[in-house]
PDB file of N, CA and C in Angstrom:
ATOM      1  N   UNK A   1       0.836  -1.164  -0.065  1.00  0.00           N
ATOM      2  CA  UNK A   1      -0.048  -0.020   0.047  1.00  0.00           C
ATOM      3  C   UNK A   1       0.913   1.313  -0.038  1.00  0.00           C
ATOM      4  N   UNK A   2       0.739   2.089  -0.966  1.00  0.00           N
ATOM      5  CA  UNK A   2       1.433   3.350  -1.061  1.00  0.00           C
ATOM      6  C   UNK A   2       1.130   4.336   0.050  1.00  0.00           C
ATOM      7  N   UNK A   3       2.362   4.718   0.754  1.00  0.00           N
ATOM      8  CA  UNK A   3       2.099   5.590   1.875  1.00  0.00           C
ATOM      9  C   UNK A   3       1.853   7.076   1.386  1.00  0.00           C
ATOM     10  N   UNK A   4       1.106   7.832   2.154  1.00  0.00           N
ATOM     11  CA  UNK A   4       0.950   9.375   1.747  1.00  0.00           C
ATOM     12  C   UNK A   4       2.119  10.045   2.410  1.00  0.00           C
ATOM     13  N   UNK A   5       2.644  11.093   1.598  1.00  0.00           N
ATOM     14  CA  UNK A   5       3.586  12.000   2.025  1.00  0.00           C
ATOM     15  C   UNK A   5       2.773  13.029   2.981  1.00  0.00           C
ATOM     16  N   UNK A   6       3.627  13.736   3.846  1.00  0.00           N
ATOM     17  CA  UNK A   6       2.900  14.794   4.519  1.00  0.00           C
ATOM     18  C   UNK A   6       2.253  15.728   3.868  1.00  0.00           C
ATOM     19  N   UNK A   7       2.620  16.184   2.502  1.00  0.00           N
ATOM     20  CA  UNK A   7       1.996  17.115   1.732  1.00  0.00           C
ATOM     21  C   UNK A   7       0.673  16.560   1.187  1.00  0.00           C
ATOM     22  N   UNK A   8       0.624  15.114   0.883  1.00  0.00           N
ATOM     23  CA  UNK A   8      -0.536  14.511   0.460  1.00  0.00           C
ATOM     24  C   UNK A   8      -1.654  14.619   1.421  1.00  0.00           C
ATOM     25  N   UNK A   9      -1.132  14.239   2.803  1.00  0.00           N
ATOM     26  CA  UNK A   9      -2.168  14.243   3.862  1.00  0.00           C
ATOM     27  C   UNK A   9      -2.708  15.675   4.139  1.00  0.00           C
ATOM     28  N   UNK A  10      -1.751  16.795   4.002  1.00  0.00           N
ATOM     29  CA  UNK A  10      -2.290  18.092   4.266  1.00  0.00           C
ATOM     30  C   UNK A  10      -3.414  18.469   2.990  1.00  0.00           C
ATOM     31  N   UNK A  11      -3.230  17.926   1.909  1.00  0.00           N
ATOM     32  CA  UNK A  11      -4.107  18.230   0.824  1.00  0.00           C
ATOM     33  C   UNK A  11      -5.504  17.547   1.181  1.00  0.00           C
ATOM     34  N   UNK A  12      -5.475  16.273   1.688  1.00  0.00           N
ATOM     35  CA  UNK A  12      -6.535  15.530   1.790  1.00  0.00           C
ATOM     36  C   UNK A  12      -7.320  16.325   3.083  1.00  0.00           C
ATOM     37  N   UNK A  13      -6.673  16.813   4.087  1.00  0.00           N
ATOM     38  CA  UNK A  13      -7.226  17.362   5.303  1.00  0.00           C
ATOM     39  C   UNK A  13      -7.761  18.718   4.660  1.00  0.00           C
ATOM     40  N   UNK A  14      -7.256  19.336   3.878  1.00  0.00           N
ATOM     41  CA  UNK A  14      -7.783  20.654   3.313  1.00  0.00           C
ATOM     42  C   UNK A  14      -9.032  20.383   2.535  1.00  0.00           C
ATOM     43  N   UNK A  15      -9.074  19.338   1.890  1.00  0.00           N
ATOM     44  CA  UNK A  15     -10.222  18.968   1.067  1.00  0.00           C
ATOM     45  C   UNK A  15     -11.418  18.706   1.977  1.00  0.00           C
ATOM     46  N   UNK A  16     -11.206  17.947   3.090  1.00  0.00           N
ATOM     47  CA  UNK A  16     -12.150  17.599   4.000  1.00  0.00           C
ATOM     48  C   UNK A  16     -12.765  18.739   4.646  1.00  0.00           C
ATOM     49  N   UNK A  17     -11.942  19.949   4.997  1.00  0.00           N
ATOM     50  CA  UNK A  17     -12.452  20.885   5.588  1.00  0.00           C
ATOM     51  C   UNK A  17     -12.483  22.219   4.634  1.00  0.00           C
ATOM     52  N   UNK A  18     -12.949  21.961   3.499  1.00  0.00           N
ATOM     53  CA  UNK A  18     -13.000  23.084   2.550  1.00  0.00           C
ATOM     54  C   UNK A  18     -13.892  24.158   2.928  1.00  0.00           C
ATOM     55  N   UNK A  19     -14.965  23.872   3.767  1.00  0.00           N
ATOM     56  CA  UNK A  19     -15.885  24.881   4.336  1.00  0.00           C
ATOM     57  C   UNK A  19     -15.437  25.597   5.541  1.00  0.00           C
ATOM     58  N   UNK A  20     -14.296  25.381   6.099  1.00  0.00           N
ATOM     59  CA  UNK A  20     -13.817  25.904   7.257  1.00  0.00           C
ATOM     60  C   UNK A  20     -12.582  26.695   7.074  1.00  0.00           C
ATOM     61  N   UNK A  21     -12.412  27.800   7.809  1.00  0.00           N
ATOM     62  CA  UNK A  21     -11.203  28.676   7.707  1.00  0.00           C
ATOM     63  C   UNK A  21     -10.141  28.074   8.859  1.00  0.00           C
ATOM     64  N   UNK A  22      -9.456  27.078   8.237  1.00  0.00           N
ATOM     65  CA  UNK A  22      -8.511  26.399   9.159  1.00  0.00           C
ATOM     66  C   UNK A  22      -7.261  25.954   8.484  1.00  0.00           C
ATOM     67  N   UNK A  23      -6.174  26.190   9.118  1.00  0.00           N
ATOM     68  CA  UNK A  23      -4.819  25.983   8.376  1.00  0.00           C
ATOM     69  C   UNK A  23      -4.546  24.464   8.286  1.00  0.00           C
ATOM     70  N   UNK A  24      -4.131  24.154   7.020  1.00  0.00           N
ATOM     71  CA  UNK A  24      -4.079  22.718   6.826  1.00  0.00           C
ATOM     72  C   UNK A  24      -2.831  22.117   7.710  1.00  0.00           C
ATOM     73  N   UNK A  25      -1.902  23.134   8.020  1.00  0.00           N
ATOM     74  CA  UNK A  25      -0.748  22.513   8.837  1.00  0.00           C
ATOM     75  C   UNK A  25      -1.135  22.213  10.206  1.00  0.00           C
ATOM     76  N   UNK A  26      -2.130  23.104  10.759  1.00  0.00           N
ATOM     77  CA  UNK A  26      -2.534  22.789  11.993  1.00  0.00           C
ATOM     78  C   UNK A  26      -3.364  21.480  12.106  1.00  0.00           C
ATOM     79  N   UNK A  27      -4.251  21.257  11.073  1.00  0.00           N
ATOM     80  CA  UNK A  27      -4.864  20.078  10.911  1.00  0.00           C
ATOM     81  C   UNK A  27      -3.928  18.771  10.939  1.00  0.00           C
ATOM     82  N   UNK A  28      -3.090  18.894  10.176  1.00  0.00           N
ATOM     83  CA  UNK A  28      -2.056  17.854   9.996  1.00  0.00           C
ATOM     84  C   UNK A  28      -1.342  17.584  11.468  1.00  0.00           C
ATOM     85  N   UNK A  29      -0.812  18.858  12.086  1.00  0.00           N
ATOM     86  CA  UNK A  29      -0.273  18.657  13.495  1.00  0.00           C
ATOM     87  C   UNK A  29      -1.205  17.990  14.426  1.00  0.00           C
ATOM     88  N   UNK A  30      -2.581  18.149  14.333  1.00  0.00           N
ATOM     89  CA  UNK A  30      -3.478  17.573  15.261  1.00  0.00           C
ATOM     90  C   UNK A  30      -3.624  16.053  14.833  1.00  0.00           C
ATOM     91  N   UNK A  31      -3.738  15.651  13.687  1.00  0.00           N
ATOM     92  CA  UNK A  31      -3.903  14.276  13.137  1.00  0.00           C
ATOM     93  C   UNK A  31      -2.608  13.466  13.446  1.00  0.00           C
ATOM     94  N   UNK A  32      -1.373  14.095  13.568  1.00  0.00           N
ATOM     95  CA  UNK A  32      -0.241  13.137  13.889  1.00  0.00           C
ATOM     96  C   UNK A  32      -0.026  13.364  15.293  1.00  0.00           C
ATOM     97  N   UNK A  33      -0.760  13.966  16.100  1.00  0.00           N
ATOM     98  CA  UNK A  33      -0.604  13.968  17.472  1.00  0.00           C
ATOM     99  C   UNK A  33       0.336  15.099  18.052  1.00  0.00           C
ATOM    100  N   UNK A  34       0.780  15.988  17.260  1.00  0.00           N
ATOM    101  CA  UNK A  34       1.770  17.089  17.660  1.00  0.00           C
ATOM    102  C   UNK A  34       1.094  17.923  18.532  1.00  0.00           C
ATOM    103  N   UNK A  35      -0.131  18.323  18.301  1.00  0.00           N
ATOM    104  CA  UNK A  35      -1.018  19.231  19.029  1.00  0.00           C
ATOM    105  C   UNK A  35      -2.379  18.493  19.386  1.00  0.00           C
ATOM    106  N   UNK A  36      -2.900  18.892  20.522  1.00  0.00           N
ATOM    107  CA  UNK A  36      -4.212  18.279  20.910  1.00  0.00           C
ATOM    108  C   UNK A  36      -5.361  19.092  20.546  1.00  0.00           C
ATOM    109  N   UNK A  37      -5.503  20.291  20.403  1.00  0.00           N
ATOM    110  CA  UNK A  37      -6.576  21.140  20.231  1.00  0.00           C
ATOM    111  C   UNK A  37      -6.387  22.144  19.100  1.00  0.00           C
ATOM    112  N   UNK A  38      -7.435  22.596  18.436  1.00  0.00           N
ATOM    113  CA  UNK A  38      -7.473  23.705  17.495  1.00  0.00           C
ATOM    114  C   UNK A  38      -8.470  24.687  17.862  1.00  0.00           C
ATOM    115  N   UNK A  39      -8.191  26.028  17.849  1.00  0.00           N
ATOM    116  CA  UNK A  39      -9.341  26.948  18.216  1.00  0.00           C
ATOM    117  C   UNK A  39     -10.586  26.736  17.406  1.00  0.00           C
ATOM    118  N   UNK A  40     -11.699  26.791  17.974  1.00  0.00           N
ATOM    119  CA  UNK A  40     -12.953  26.668  17.273  1.00  0.00           C
ATOM    120  C   UNK A  40     -13.433  25.386  16.746  1.00  0.00           C
ATOM    121  N   UNK A  41     -12.397  24.264  16.795  1.00  0.00           N
ATOM    122  CA  UNK A  41     -12.770  22.985  16.204  1.00  0.00           C
ATOM    123  C   UNK A  41     -12.238  22.007  17.131  1.00  0.00           C
ATOM    124  N   UNK A  42     -13.417  21.200  17.497  1.00  0.00           N
ATOM    125  CA  UNK A  42     -13.198  20.170  18.421  1.00  0.00           C
ATOM    126  C   UNK A  42     -12.729  18.920  17.715  1.00  0.00           C
ATOM    127  N   UNK A  43     -11.807  18.408  18.371  1.00  0.00           N
ATOM    128  CA  UNK A  43     -10.829  17.160  17.766  1.00  0.00           C
ATOM    129  C   UNK A  43     -11.826  16.091  17.476  1.00  0.00           C
ATOM    130  N   UNK A  44     -12.935  15.790  18.169  1.00  0.00           N
ATOM    131  CA  UNK A  44     -13.806  14.804  17.855  1.00  0.00           C
ATOM    132  C   UNK A  44     -14.621  14.987  16.731  1.00  0.00           C
ATOM    133  N   UNK A  45     -14.932  16.339  16.400  1.00  0.00           N
ATOM    134  CA  UNK A  45     -15.550  16.845  15.092  1.00  0.00           C
ATOM    135  C   UNK A  45     -14.704  16.572  13.989  1.00  0.00           C
ATOM    136  N   UNK A  46     -13.468  16.905  14.127  1.00  0.00           N
ATOM    137  CA  UNK A  46     -12.445  16.734  13.172  1.00  0.00           C
ATOM    138  C   UNK A  46     -12.342  15.258  12.645  1.00  0.00           C
ATOM    139  N   UNK A  47     -12.269  14.464  13.792  1.00  0.00           N
ATOM    140  CA  UNK A  47     -12.222  12.996  13.430  1.00  0.00           C
ATOM    141  C   UNK A  47     -13.446  12.393  12.813  1.00  0.00           C
ATOM    142  N   UNK A  48     -14.586  12.814  13.277  1.00  0.00           N
ATOM    143  CA  UNK A  48     -15.871  12.547  12.645  1.00  0.00           C
ATOM    144  C   UNK A  48     -15.853  12.965  11.218  1.00  0.00           C
ATOM    145  N   UNK A  49     -15.587  14.102  10.947  1.00  0.00           N
ATOM    146  CA  UNK A  49     -15.612  14.660   9.644  1.00  0.00           C
ATOM    147  C   UNK A  49     -14.805  13.688   8.562  1.00  0.00           C
ATOM    148  N   UNK A  50     -13.507  13.354   9.101  1.00  0.00           N
ATOM    149  CA  UNK A  50     -12.627  12.461   8.310  1.00  0.00           C
ATOM    150  C   UNK A  50     -13.312  10.996   8.152  1.00  0.00           C
ATOM    151  N   UNK A  51     -13.918  10.480   9.238  1.00  0.00           N
ATOM    152  CA  UNK A  51     -14.576   9.234   9.016  1.00  0.00           C
ATOM    153  C   UNK A  51     -15.683   9.398   7.991  1.00  0.00           C
ATOM    154  N   UNK A  52     -16.360  10.405   7.932  1.00  0.00           N
ATOM    155  CA  UNK A  52     -17.495  10.562   7.086  1.00  0.00           C
ATOM    156  C   UNK A  52     -17.083  10.873   5.589  1.00  0.00           C
ATOM    157  N   UNK A  53     -15.961  11.427   5.482  1.00  0.00           N
ATOM    158  CA  UNK A  53     -15.348  11.891   4.215  1.00  0.00           C
ATOM    159  C   UNK A  53     -14.676  10.754   3.398  1.00  0.00           C
ATOM    160  N   UNK A  54     -13.826  10.170   3.983  1.00  0.00           N
ATOM    161  CA  UNK A  54     -12.820   9.320   3.314  1.00  0.00           C
ATOM    162  C   UNK A  54     -13.172   7.758   3.566  1.00  0.00           C
ATOM    163  N   UNK A  55     -12.845   6.940   2.471  1.00  0.00           N
ATOM    164  CA  UNK A  55     -12.859   5.465   2.697  1.00  0.00           C
ATOM    165  C   UNK A  55     -11.903   5.011   3.661  1.00  0.00           C
ATOM    166  N   UNK A  56     -12.183   3.750   3.961  1.00  0.00           N
ATOM    167  CA  UNK A  56     -11.286   3.119   5.127  1.00  0.00           C
ATOM    168  C   UNK A  56      -9.875   3.166   4.722  1.00  0.00           C
ATOM    169  N   UNK A  57      -9.463   2.809   3.586  1.00  0.00           N
ATOM    170  CA  UNK A  57      -7.987   2.679   3.048  1.00  0.00           C
ATOM    171  C   UNK A  57      -7.372   4.017   2.927  1.00  0.00           C
ATOM    172  N   UNK A  58      -8.036   4.972   2.665  1.00  0.00           N
ATOM    173  CA  UNK A  58      -7.528   6.389   2.832  1.00  0.00           C
ATOM    174  C   UNK A  58      -7.238   6.778   4.286  1.00  0.00           C
ATOM    175  N   UNK A  59      -8.234   6.475   5.016  1.00  0.00           N
ATOM    176  CA  UNK A  59      -8.210   6.797   6.465  1.00  0.00           C
ATOM    177  C   UNK A  59      -6.930   6.075   7.190  1.00  0.00           C
ATOM    178  N   UNK A  60      -6.602   4.816   6.819  1.00  0.00           N
ATOM    179  CA  UNK A  60      -5.549   4.197   7.583  1.00  0.00           C
ATOM    180  C   UNK A  60      -4.308   4.655   6.995  1.00  0.00           C
ATOM    181  N   UNK A  61      -4.126   5.385   5.782  1.00  0.00           N
ATOM    182  CA  UNK A  61      -2.975   5.904   5.342  1.00  0.00           C
ATOM    183  C   UNK A  61      -2.801   7.308   5.922  1.00  0.00           C
ATOM    184  N   UNK A  62      -3.976   7.901   6.313  1.00  0.00           N
ATOM    185  CA  UNK A  62      -3.921   9.308   6.620  1.00  0.00           C
ATOM    186  C   UNK A  62      -3.699   9.547   8.178  1.00  0.00           C
ATOM    187  N   UNK A  63      -4.300   8.623   8.834  1.00  0.00           N
ATOM    188  CA  UNK A  63      -4.387   8.899  10.374  1.00  0.00           C
ATOM    189  C   UNK A  63      -3.566   7.712  10.993  1.00  0.00           C
ATOM    190  N   UNK A  64      -2.612   8.168  11.798  1.00  0.00           N
ATOM    191  CA  UNK A  64      -1.693   7.263  12.676  1.00  0.00           C
ATOM    192  C   UNK A  64      -2.612   6.314  13.607  1.00  0.00           C
ATOM    193  N   UNK A  65      -2.070   5.092  13.809  1.00  0.00           N
ATOM    194  CA  UNK A  65      -2.859   4.068  14.576  1.00  0.00           C
ATOM    195  C   UNK A  65      -3.340   4.718  15.988  1.00  0.00           C
ATOM    196  N   UNK A  66      -2.393   5.327  16.630  1.00  0.00           N
ATOM    197  CA  UNK A  66      -2.801   5.906  17.931  1.00  0.00           C
ATOM    198  C   UNK A  66      -4.067   6.701  17.817  1.00  0.00           C
ATOM    199  N   UNK A  67      -4.012   7.675  16.811  1.00  0.00           N
ATOM    200  CA  UNK A  67      -5.047   8.643  16.552  1.00  0.00           C
ATOM    201  C   UNK A  67      -6.345   7.799  16.030  1.00  0.00           C
ATOM    202  N   UNK A  68      -6.067   6.956  15.155  1.00  0.00           N
ATOM    203  CA  UNK A  68      -7.133   6.042  14.679  1.00  0.00           C
ATOM    204  C   UNK A  68      -8.004   5.475  15.797  1.00  0.00           C
ATOM    205  N   UNK A  69      -7.264   4.909  16.618  1.00  0.00           N
ATOM    206  CA  UNK A  69      -7.748   4.259  17.751  1.00  0.00           C
ATOM    207  C   UNK A  69      -8.831   5.252  18.531  1.00  0.00           C
ATOM    208  N   UNK A  70      -8.419   6.481  18.699  1.00  0.00           N
ATOM    209  CA  UNK A  70      -9.087   7.537  19.316  1.00  0.00           C
ATOM    210  C   UNK A  70     -10.321   7.946  18.330  1.00  0.00           C
ATOM    211  N   UNK A  71     -10.067   7.926  17.180  1.00  0.00           N
ATOM    212  CA  UNK A  71     -11.255   8.237  16.150  1.00  0.00           C
ATOM    213  C   UNK A  71     -12.253   7.136  16.166  1.00  0.00           C
ATOM    214  N   UNK A  72     -12.098   5.998  16.646  1.00  0.00           N
ATOM    215  CA  UNK A  72     -12.985   4.893  16.812  1.00  0.00           C
ATOM    216  C   UNK A  72     -13.767   4.652  17.947  1.00  0.00           C
ATOM    217  N   UNK A  73     -13.535   5.640  18.986  1.00  0.00           N
ATOM    218  CA  UNK A  73     -14.046   5.557  20.188  1.00  0.00           C
ATOM    219  C   UNK A  73     -15.609   5.934  20.057  1.00  0.00           C
ATOM    220  N   UNK A  74     -16.502   5.467  21.070  1.00  0.00           N
ATOM    221  CA  UNK A  74     -17.925   5.780  21.089  1.00  0.00           C
ATOM    222  C   UNK A  74     -18.198   7.173  20.920  1.00  0.00           C
ATOM    223  N   UNK A  75     -17.341   8.118  21.592  1.00  0.00           N
ATOM    224  CA  UNK A  75     -17.600   9.489  21.628  1.00  0.00           C
ATOM    225  C   UNK A  75     -17.600  10.134  20.236  1.00  0.00           C
ATOM    226  N   UNK A  76     -16.692   9.568  19.425  1.00  0.00           N
ATOM    227  CA  UNK A  76     -16.651  10.001  17.971  1.00  0.00           C
ATOM    228  C   UNK A  76     -17.696   9.370  17.053  1.00  0.00           C
ATOM    229  N   UNK A  77     -17.813   7.997  17.201  1.00  0.00           N
ATOM    230  CA  UNK A  77     -18.653   7.205  16.445  1.00  0.00           C
ATOM    231  C   UNK A  77     -20.189   7.620  16.659  1.00  0.00           C
ATOM    232  N   UNK A  78     -20.488   7.971  17.899  1.00  0.00           N
ATOM    233  CA  UNK A  78     -21.937   8.291  18.146  1.00  0.00           C
ATOM    234  C   UNK A  78     -22.306   9.550  17.215  1.00  0.00           C
ATOM    235  N   UNK A  79     -21.376  10.249  16.740  1.00  0.00           N
ATOM    236  CA  UNK A  79     -21.724  11.527  15.966  1.00  0.00           C
ATOM    237  C   UNK A  79     -21.969  11.310  14.495  1.00  0.00           C
ATOM    238  N   UNK A  80     -21.625  10.043  14.163  1.00  0.00           N
ATOM    239  CA  UNK A  80     -21.767   9.618  12.745  1.00  0.00           C
ATOM    240  C   UNK A  80     -23.197   9.436  12.250  1.00  0.00           C
ATOM    241  N   UNK A  81     -23.493   9.742  10.990  1.00  0.00           N
ATOM    242  CA  UNK A  81     -24.736   9.439  10.352  1.00  0.00           C
ATOM    243  C   UNK A  81     -24.392   8.955   8.915  1.00  0.00           C
ATOM    244  N   UNK A  82     -25.081   7.934   8.280  1.00  0.00           N
ATOM    245  CA  UNK A  82     -25.980   7.133   8.855  1.00  0.00           C
ATOM    246  C   UNK A  82     -25.545   6.113   9.722  1.00  0.00           C
ATOM    247  N   UNK A  83     -26.491   5.487  10.415  1.00  0.00           N
ATOM    248  CA  UNK A  83     -26.154   4.417  11.559  1.00  0.00           C
ATOM    249  C   UNK A  83     -25.394   3.291  10.838  1.00  0.00           C
ATOM    250  N   UNK A  84     -25.581   2.978   9.764  1.00  0.00           N
ATOM    251  CA  UNK A  84     -24.717   1.856   9.036  1.00  0.00           C
ATOM    252  C   UNK A  84     -23.192   2.251   9.019  1.00  0.00           C
ATOM    253  N   UNK A  85     -22.949   3.499   8.843  1.00  0.00           N
ATOM    254  CA  UNK A  85     -21.533   3.955   8.955  1.00  0.00           C
ATOM    255  C   UNK A  85     -20.898   3.790  10.281  1.00  0.00           C
ATOM    256  N   UNK A  86     -21.747   4.098  11.202  1.00  0.00           N
ATOM    257  CA  UNK A  86     -21.295   3.988  12.690  1.00  0.00           C
ATOM    258  C   UNK A  86     -21.235   2.458  12.860  1.00  0.00           C
ATOM    259  N   UNK A  87     -21.996   1.611  12.580  1.00  0.00           N
ATOM    260  CA  UNK A  87     -21.752   0.255  12.633  1.00  0.00           C
ATOM    261  C   UNK A  87     -20.570  -0.405  12.001  1.00  0.00           C
ATOM    262  N   UNK A  88     -20.396   0.077  10.829  1.00  0.00           N
ATOM    263  CA  UNK A  88     -19.179  -0.369  10.135  1.00  0.00           C
ATOM    264  C   UNK A  88     -17.965  -0.023  10.888  1.00  0.00           C
ATOM    265  N   UNK A  89     -17.732   1.221  11.340  1.00  0.00           N
ATOM    266  CA  UNK A  89     -16.602   1.573  11.986  1.00  0.00           C
ATOM    267  C   UNK A  89     -16.555   0.752  13.473  1.00  0.00           C
ATOM    268  N   UNK A  90     -17.626   0.536  14.179  1.00  0.00           N
ATOM    269  CA  UNK A  90     -17.483  -0.171  15.348  1.00  0.00           C
ATOM    270  C   UNK A  90     -17.062  -1.692  15.066  1.00  0.00           C
ATOM    271  N   UNK A  91     -17.494  -2.200  13.945  1.00  0.00           N
ATOM    272  CA  UNK A  91     -16.981  -3.533  13.539  1.00  0.00           C
ATOM    273  C   UNK A  91     -15.443  -3.488  13.188  1.00  0.00           C
ATOM    274  N   UNK A  92     -15.019  -2.478  12.577  1.00  0.00           N
ATOM    275  CA  UNK A  92     -13.529  -2.257  12.256  1.00  0.00           C
ATOM    276  C   UNK A  92     -12.767  -2.096  13.602  1.00  0.00           C
ATOM    277  N   UNK A  93     -13.385  -1.438  14.539  1.00  0.00           N
ATOM    278  CA  UNK A  93     -12.701  -1.364  15.877  1.00  0.00           C
ATOM    279  C   UNK A  93     -12.472  -2.600  16.668  1.00  0.00           C
ATOM    280  N   UNK A  94     -13.633  -3.381  16.511  1.00  0.00           N
ATOM    281  CA  UNK A  94     -13.678  -4.764  17.159  1.00  0.00           C
ATOM    282  C   UNK A  94     -12.551  -5.696  16.600  1.00  0.00           C
ATOM    283  N   UNK A  95     -12.342  -5.493  15.228  1.00  0.00           N
ATOM    284  CA  UNK A  95     -11.385  -6.359  14.719  1.00  0.00           C
ATOM    285  C   UNK A  95      -9.920  -5.826  14.918  1.00  0.00           C
ATOM    286  N   UNK A  96      -9.646  -4.610  14.956  1.00  0.00           N
ATOM    287  CA  UNK A  96      -8.474  -3.929  14.962  1.00  0.00           C
ATOM    288  C   UNK A  96      -7.830  -3.873  16.390  1.00  0.00           C
ATOM    289  N   UNK A  97      -8.625  -3.495  17.401  1.00  0.00           N
ATOM    290  CA  UNK A  97      -8.332  -3.152  18.729  1.00  0.00           C
ATOM    291  C   UNK A  97      -8.935  -4.021  19.834  1.00  0.00           C
ATOM    292  N   UNK A  98      -8.870  -5.399  19.642  1.00  0.00           N
ATOM    293  CA  UNK A  98      -9.327  -6.454  20.519  1.00  0.00           C
ATOM    294  C   UNK A  98      -8.596  -6.274  21.834  1.00  0.00           C
TER     295      UNK A  98
END
């Protein structure tokens, strides 16, 4: 599986947040765990948006495992719509993080 460069990741993050005035470098720093918060954007909201925007294979290249585990918590998954999407990620969590 081809890995994404930091620039590729920043581009994907900016596409996911096209409607928000947020710096892609700050989003990247949050996703790699360098920072914990962003002004005016909740980390759980950011993770939820990514889960709703990208397919599974893109997500596992975009988000490090430590942050992916956080993205698959009930606090984040409960924000997803439709219900089937939430169930899909709960199943993935069960397989990956037993």
